[in-house]
Amino acid sequence: MKDIFHPPVLLNEAIKFLKAEEGGIFVDATLGGGGHTEAILRANPENRVIAIDRDEEAIERAIKRLERFGDRLSVYHANFAQIGVVLEREGISSVDGVLFDLGVSHFQLRGERGFSFWKDDPLDMRMDRNQKLTAAEVVNKLSEKELADIIFRYGEERFSRRIARAIVNSRKKKPIETTLELARIVESAIPGKVRAGKRKHPATKTFQAIRIYVNKELESIELAIPEAIEKLSFGGRIVVITFHSLEDRIVKTIFRDRQDLKILTRKPVVPSDGEVAANPAARSAKLRAAEKV
């Protein structure tokens, strides 16, 4: 697949809240295409970035894009919940800023791992292909109740029970193997009047839920953000960009409950109309930032 770079969401806002132009050591906990890391490194010639990503393919592409920055960039294949371990390997006790961009990358959505229902791919959804659990195993092996709970909890889908029942009935005939198979099953379980009134594809919430479950995304966020805050120097900044309410709720709660943080965003920062027009994937993004005190 042709590698098309897409600008990261809320880029200027993230760099501003990180105070990257003032110089320092930063962690990009979600390297992805490398856009945020590149902007941090360009903001000040003295800046250094330690970047983390679960996706080895993303790392390979980003390293090629960013090779001109030399030893100012260190990249680790890891879950961002391991931020403490990564910094220990680097011999760094504290950093000036940490950035999390929790969105699924454009390359992952356009790739062949089953993140999207717009084309027919194997049901995979693993961000890290070294892990064992795949979406196919979730869909074909979990009980109807387990599936309904996952789709309701992580997708906030009100038709979760109907969808789970349709999945179980379908897999009795043959295993569900591809994204379009699953999308059609989900669509068939949602009443026609509701489908007609939806702006998003009827399978959107179900695919989100299965992806989050497969990658243990919320559990990783709950571990990673407190760990990142611990590694901030006094006056250091943490910036988190989320793309759905479950993520945003976790970030908001952690920030609010920490006595060592000054919240910089009373309300989350959202993309401008111009950014959404240029990049529709940005429309659900929310940025929260805080400073270590």
Protein backbone atom coordinates (compact mmCIF):
# COMPACT_ATOMS: atom_id res chain seq x y z
CA MET A 1 0.00 0.00 0.00
CA LYS A 2 1.26 3.45 -0.91
CA ASP A 3 2.45 5.32 2.20
CA ILE A 4 0.55 8.61 2.25
CA PHE A 5 1.45 10.87 5.16
CA HIS A 6 -1.45 12.64 6.84
CA PRO A 7 -0.82 15.60 9.17
CA PRO A 8 -1.48 14.76 12.82
CA VAL A 9 -4.56 16.16 14.53
CA LEU A 10 -4.30 19.36 16.63
CA LEU A 11 -0.60 19.63 15.81
CA ASN A 12 -0.06 23.34 16.52
CA GLU A 13 -2.07 23.14 19.74
CA ALA A 14 -0.08 20.15 20.97
CA ILE A 15 3.27 21.84 20.30
CA LYS A 16 2.09 25.01 22.03
CA PHE A 17 0.93 23.22 25.19
CA LEU A 18 4.14 21.18 25.33
CA LYS A 19 6.19 24.42 25.17
CA ALA A 20 8.38 22.56 22.70
CA GLU A 21 9.93 25.79 21.40
CA GLU A 22 11.57 26.31 24.82
CA GLY A 23 13.64 23.15 24.42
CA GLY A 24 13.93 19.93 26.38
CA ILE A 25 13.46 16.18 26.40
CA PHE A 26 10.05 14.92 25.27
CA VAL A 27 8.27 11.60 24.99
CA ASP A 28 5.98 10.94 22.04
CA ALA A 29 4.14 7.95 23.47
CA THR A 30 2.31 7.29 20.18
CA LEU A 31 4.80 7.78 17.36
CA GLY A 32 2.47 6.69 14.53
CA GLY A 33 3.43 8.49 11.32
CA GLY A 34 5.92 10.66 13.18
CA GLY A 35 4.20 13.99 12.58
CA HIS A 36 4.10 15.13 16.19
CA THR A 37 7.66 13.96 16.80
CA GLU A 38 8.89 15.84 13.73
CA ALA A 39 7.18 19.04 14.90
CA ILE A 40 8.73 18.72 18.37
CA LEU A 41 12.20 18.19 16.93
CA ARG A 42 11.80 21.16 14.57
CA ALA A 43 10.50 23.46 17.33
CA ASN A 44 13.96 23.77 18.89
CA PRO A 45 17.29 22.41 17.57
CA GLU A 46 18.18 21.26 21.10
CA ASN A 47 15.05 19.15 21.52
CA ARG A 48 15.29 15.41 21.96
CA VAL A 49 12.42 12.92 21.59
CA ILE A 50 12.00 9.41 22.95
CA ALA A 51 9.25 7.87 20.82
CA ILE A 52 7.18 4.76 21.53
CA ASP A 53 4.82 2.71 19.37
CA ARG A 54 3.26 -0.76 19.47
CA ASP A 55 3.24 -1.06 15.70
CA GLU A 56 6.53 -2.21 14.15
CA GLU A 57 5.41 -1.13 10.67
CA ALA A 58 4.69 2.38 11.95
CA ILE A 59 8.14 2.50 13.54
CA GLU A 60 9.87 1.47 10.30
CA ARG A 61 8.07 4.16 8.29
CA ALA A 62 8.60 6.88 10.89
CA ILE A 63 12.31 6.14 11.26
CA LYS A 64 12.77 6.60 7.51
CA ARG A 65 10.92 9.93 7.63
CA LEU A 66 12.87 11.19 10.63
CA GLU A 67 16.36 9.83 10.00
CA ARG A 68 17.71 13.35 9.36
CA PHE A 69 17.33 14.11 13.09
CA GLY A 70 19.97 11.51 13.96
CA ASP A 71 20.60 10.81 17.64
CA ARG A 72 18.08 13.46 18.73
CA LEU A 73 15.48 10.72 18.30
CA SER A 74 15.27 7.34 20.05
CA VAL A 75 12.49 4.93 19.08
CA TYR A 76 11.14 1.97 21.05
CA HIS A 77 8.77 -0.82 20.06
CA ALA A 78 6.66 -1.01 23.20
CA ASN A 79 3.26 -0.38 24.73
CA PHE A 80 3.10 3.18 26.04
CA ALA A 81 2.21 1.75 29.45
CA GLN A 82 5.93 0.81 29.56
CA ILE A 83 7.02 4.45 29.47
CA GLY A 84 8.87 4.06 32.77
CA VAL A 85 10.86 1.08 31.48
CA VAL A 86 11.70 2.92 28.25
CA LEU A 87 13.02 5.98 30.09
CA GLU A 88 15.02 3.78 32.44
CA ARG A 89 16.72 2.19 29.42
CA GLU A 90 17.54 5.68 28.18
CA GLY A 91 18.97 6.60 31.60
CA ILE A 92 16.47 9.46 31.92
CA SER A 93 14.75 10.16 35.25
CA SER A 94 12.47 13.01 34.14
CA VAL A 95 11.26 14.70 30.96
CA ASP A 96 9.88 18.10 29.98
CA GLY A 97 6.81 16.89 28.15
CA VAL A 98 4.81 13.81 27.19
CA LEU A 99 2.36 13.55 24.30
CA PHE A 100 -0.31 10.90 23.70
CA ASP A 101 -2.31 10.84 20.46
CA LEU A 102 -4.76 7.99 21.05
CA GLY A 103 -6.24 7.81 17.55
CA VAL A 104 -5.85 4.86 15.19
CA SER A 105 -3.49 5.94 12.43
CA HIS A 106 -4.63 6.53 8.86
CA PHE A 107 -2.14 3.90 7.70
CA GLN A 108 -3.64 1.30 10.06
CA LEU A 109 -7.16 2.09 8.85
CA ARG A 110 -6.06 1.84 5.22
CA GLY A 111 -3.91 -1.23 5.83
CA GLU A 112 -4.85 -4.91 5.83
CA ARG A 113 -5.36 -5.62 9.51
CA GLY A 114 -9.11 -5.41 9.70
CA PHE A 115 -9.44 -2.07 11.52
CA SER A 116 -11.92 -0.78 8.93
CA PHE A 117 -15.12 -2.12 7.36
CA TRP A 118 -14.70 -0.14 4.13
CA LYS A 119 -12.84 -3.01 2.48
CA ASP A 120 -12.66 -6.74 3.00
CA ASP A 121 -9.71 -7.79 5.16
CA PRO A 122 -9.03 -10.58 7.64
CA LEU A 123 -10.39 -9.87 11.13
CA ASP A 124 -7.17 -8.99 12.94
CA MET A 125 -7.22 -5.53 14.62
CA ARG A 126 -3.91 -6.05 16.47
CA MET A 127 -1.81 -2.92 16.80
CA ASP A 128 1.10 -5.13 17.84
CA ARG A 129 1.23 -8.23 15.68
CA ASN A 130 3.36 -10.01 18.29
CA GLN A 131 0.34 -10.40 20.54
CA LYS A 132 -1.83 -13.52 20.15
CA LEU A 133 -5.42 -12.32 20.54
CA THR A 134 -7.11 -11.25 17.29
CA ALA A 135 -10.56 -9.88 16.48
CA ALA A 136 -11.41 -13.17 14.75
CA GLU A 137 -10.87 -15.06 18.01
CA VAL A 138 -13.02 -12.57 19.92
CA VAL A 139 -15.87 -12.77 17.42
CA ASN A 140 -15.79 -16.56 17.00
CA LYS A 141 -14.95 -17.83 20.49
CA LEU A 142 -16.47 -15.57 23.14
CA SER A 143 -19.94 -16.24 24.50
CA GLU A 144 -22.96 -14.20 23.48
CA LYS A 145 -22.98 -12.47 26.88
CA GLU A 146 -19.25 -11.66 26.70
CA LEU A 147 -19.67 -10.19 23.22
CA ALA A 148 -22.68 -8.12 24.27
CA ASP A 149 -20.79 -6.78 27.30
CA ILE A 150 -17.75 -5.82 25.18
CA ILE A 151 -19.84 -4.10 22.50
CA PHE A 152 -21.86 -2.20 25.11
CA ARG A 153 -18.94 -1.23 27.36
CA TYR A 154 -16.36 -0.25 24.76
CA GLY A 155 -18.67 0.77 21.92
CA GLU A 156 -21.53 2.28 23.94
CA GLU A 157 -23.79 0.51 21.45
CA ARG A 158 -27.42 0.27 22.61
CA PHE A 159 -28.12 -2.68 20.30
CA SER A 160 -25.22 -4.70 21.75
CA ARG A 161 -27.38 -7.71 22.71
CA ARG A 162 -29.00 -7.93 19.29
CA ILE A 163 -25.59 -7.65 17.60
CA ALA A 164 -24.04 -10.31 19.85
CA ARG A 165 -26.95 -12.67 19.13
CA ALA A 166 -26.58 -12.11 15.38
CA ILE A 167 -22.83 -12.82 15.56
CA VAL A 168 -23.35 -16.07 17.48
CA ASN A 169 -26.13 -17.24 15.12
CA SER A 170 -23.98 -16.47 12.09
CA ARG A 171 -20.86 -18.23 13.34
CA LYS A 172 -22.87 -21.44 13.92
CA LYS A 173 -23.03 -21.76 10.13
CA LYS A 174 -19.39 -20.83 9.46
CA PRO A 175 -16.60 -18.87 11.20
CA ILE A 176 -16.68 -15.12 10.68
CA GLU A 177 -13.38 -14.36 8.96
CA THR A 178 -13.44 -10.92 7.34
CA THR A 179 -14.36 -7.33 8.10
CA LEU A 180 -17.17 -7.10 5.56
CA GLU A 181 -18.74 -10.31 6.87
CA LEU A 182 -18.80 -8.86 10.37
CA ALA A 183 -20.02 -5.46 9.20
CA ARG A 184 -22.95 -7.06 7.32
CA ILE A 185 -23.92 -9.12 10.37
CA VAL A 186 -23.85 -6.06 12.63
CA GLU A 187 -25.85 -4.02 10.13
CA SER A 188 -28.50 -6.74 9.88
CA ALA A 189 -28.99 -6.67 13.67
CA ILE A 190 -29.82 -2.95 13.84
CA PRO A 191 -33.41 -1.93 13.02
CA GLY A 192 -33.87 -0.42 9.57
CA LYS A 193 -35.32 2.86 10.84
CA VAL A 194 -32.28 3.35 13.08
CA ARG A 195 -29.86 2.49 10.25
CA ALA A 196 -31.54 5.02 7.99
CA GLY A 197 -31.09 7.79 10.54
CA LYS A 198 -27.41 7.10 11.24
CA ARG A 199 -24.71 9.35 9.81
CA LYS A 200 -22.00 6.85 10.69
CA HIS A 201 -21.84 3.27 9.42
CA PRO A 202 -23.94 1.01 11.69
CA ALA A 203 -20.90 -1.14 12.48
CA THR A 204 -18.72 1.76 13.68
CA LYS A 205 -19.31 1.28 17.41
CA THR A 206 -18.97 -2.50 17.26
CA PHE A 207 -15.65 -2.31 15.41
CA GLN A 208 -14.43 0.29 17.91
CA ALA A 209 -15.40 -1.94 20.81
CA ILE A 210 -13.68 -5.05 19.46
CA ARG A 211 -10.52 -3.06 18.59
CA ILE A 212 -10.35 -1.57 22.09
CA TYR A 213 -10.83 -5.01 23.67
CA VAL A 214 -8.26 -6.75 21.45
CA ASN A 215 -5.58 -4.14 22.21
CA LYS A 216 -6.52 -3.52 25.87
CA GLU A 217 -6.49 0.17 24.97
CA LEU A 218 -8.30 1.59 28.00
CA GLU A 219 -6.27 -0.48 30.46
CA SER A 220 -3.07 0.79 28.83
CA ILE A 221 -4.25 4.41 29.11
CA GLU A 222 -5.09 3.97 32.79
CA LEU A 223 -1.57 2.67 33.43
CA ALA A 224 0.36 4.97 31.10
CA ILE A 225 -0.92 8.43 32.02
CA PRO A 226 -0.11 8.23 35.77
CA GLU A 227 3.29 6.76 34.87
CA ALA A 228 3.93 9.63 32.45
CA ILE A 229 2.96 12.21 35.08
CA GLU A 230 5.44 10.65 37.52
CA LYS A 231 8.20 11.09 34.93
CA LEU A 232 7.49 14.78 34.31
CA SER A 233 9.88 17.34 35.74
CA PHE A 234 8.36 20.24 37.70
CA GLY A 235 6.82 22.55 35.13
CA GLY A 236 6.71 19.70 32.60
CA ARG A 237 3.59 19.28 30.48
CA ILE A 238 1.41 16.32 29.53
CA VAL A 239 -0.82 16.55 26.46
CA VAL A 240 -3.39 13.88 25.57
CA ILE A 241 -5.48 13.77 22.39
CA THR A 242 -8.49 11.45 22.55
CA PHE A 243 -11.04 10.40 19.95
CA HIS A 244 -13.99 9.04 21.90
CA SER A 245 -15.75 9.60 25.19
CA LEU A 246 -14.34 6.56 27.01
CA GLU A 247 -10.76 7.75 26.51
CA ASP A 248 -11.59 11.36 27.31
CA ARG A 249 -13.38 10.37 30.52
CA ILE A 250 -10.32 8.47 31.76
CA VAL A 251 -7.98 11.38 31.00
CA LYS A 252 -10.30 13.94 32.58
CA THR A 253 -10.64 11.86 35.76
CA ILE A 254 -6.91 11.21 36.14
CA PHE A 255 -6.05 14.88 35.63
CA ARG A 256 -8.75 16.01 38.07
CA ASP A 257 -7.72 13.61 40.82
CA ARG A 258 -3.98 14.39 40.74
CA GLN A 259 -2.79 16.85 43.38
CA ASP A 260 0.46 17.44 41.49
CA LEU A 261 -1.16 18.72 38.28
CA LYS A 262 -2.37 22.11 37.19
CA ILE A 263 -5.01 21.64 34.48
CA LEU A 264 -4.36 23.93 31.50
CA THR A 265 -7.53 23.12 29.55
CA ARG A 266 -10.67 23.87 31.56
CA LYS A 267 -12.59 22.49 28.59
CA PRO A 268 -10.94 20.21 26.03
CA VAL A 269 -9.49 21.88 22.95
CA VAL A 270 -11.15 20.75 19.72
CA PRO A 271 -10.11 21.14 16.08
CA SER A 272 -11.10 24.24 14.15
CA ASP A 273 -13.70 24.06 11.39
CA GLY A 274 -10.87 24.46 8.91
CA GLU A 275 -8.96 21.48 10.27
CA VAL A 276 -12.07 19.29 10.24
CA ALA A 277 -12.80 20.32 6.65
CA ALA A 278 -9.25 19.39 5.63
CA ASN A 279 -9.18 16.21 7.74
CA PRO A 280 -12.64 14.83 8.63
CA ALA A 281 -11.03 12.21 10.91
CA ALA A 282 -10.21 15.08 13.29
CA ARG A 283 -13.84 15.91 14.05
CA SER A 284 -14.07 13.85 17.27
CA ALA A 285 -10.63 14.82 18.65
CA LYS A 286 -10.28 16.44 22.06
CA LEU A 287 -7.04 17.70 23.60
CA ARG A 288 -6.41 18.01 27.33
CA ALA A 289 -3.21 19.38 28.83
CA ALA A 290 -1.79 19.76 32.32
CA GLU A 291 1.40 20.92 34.02
CA LYS A 292 3.34 19.24 36.83
CA VAL A 293 3.43 21.45 39.93
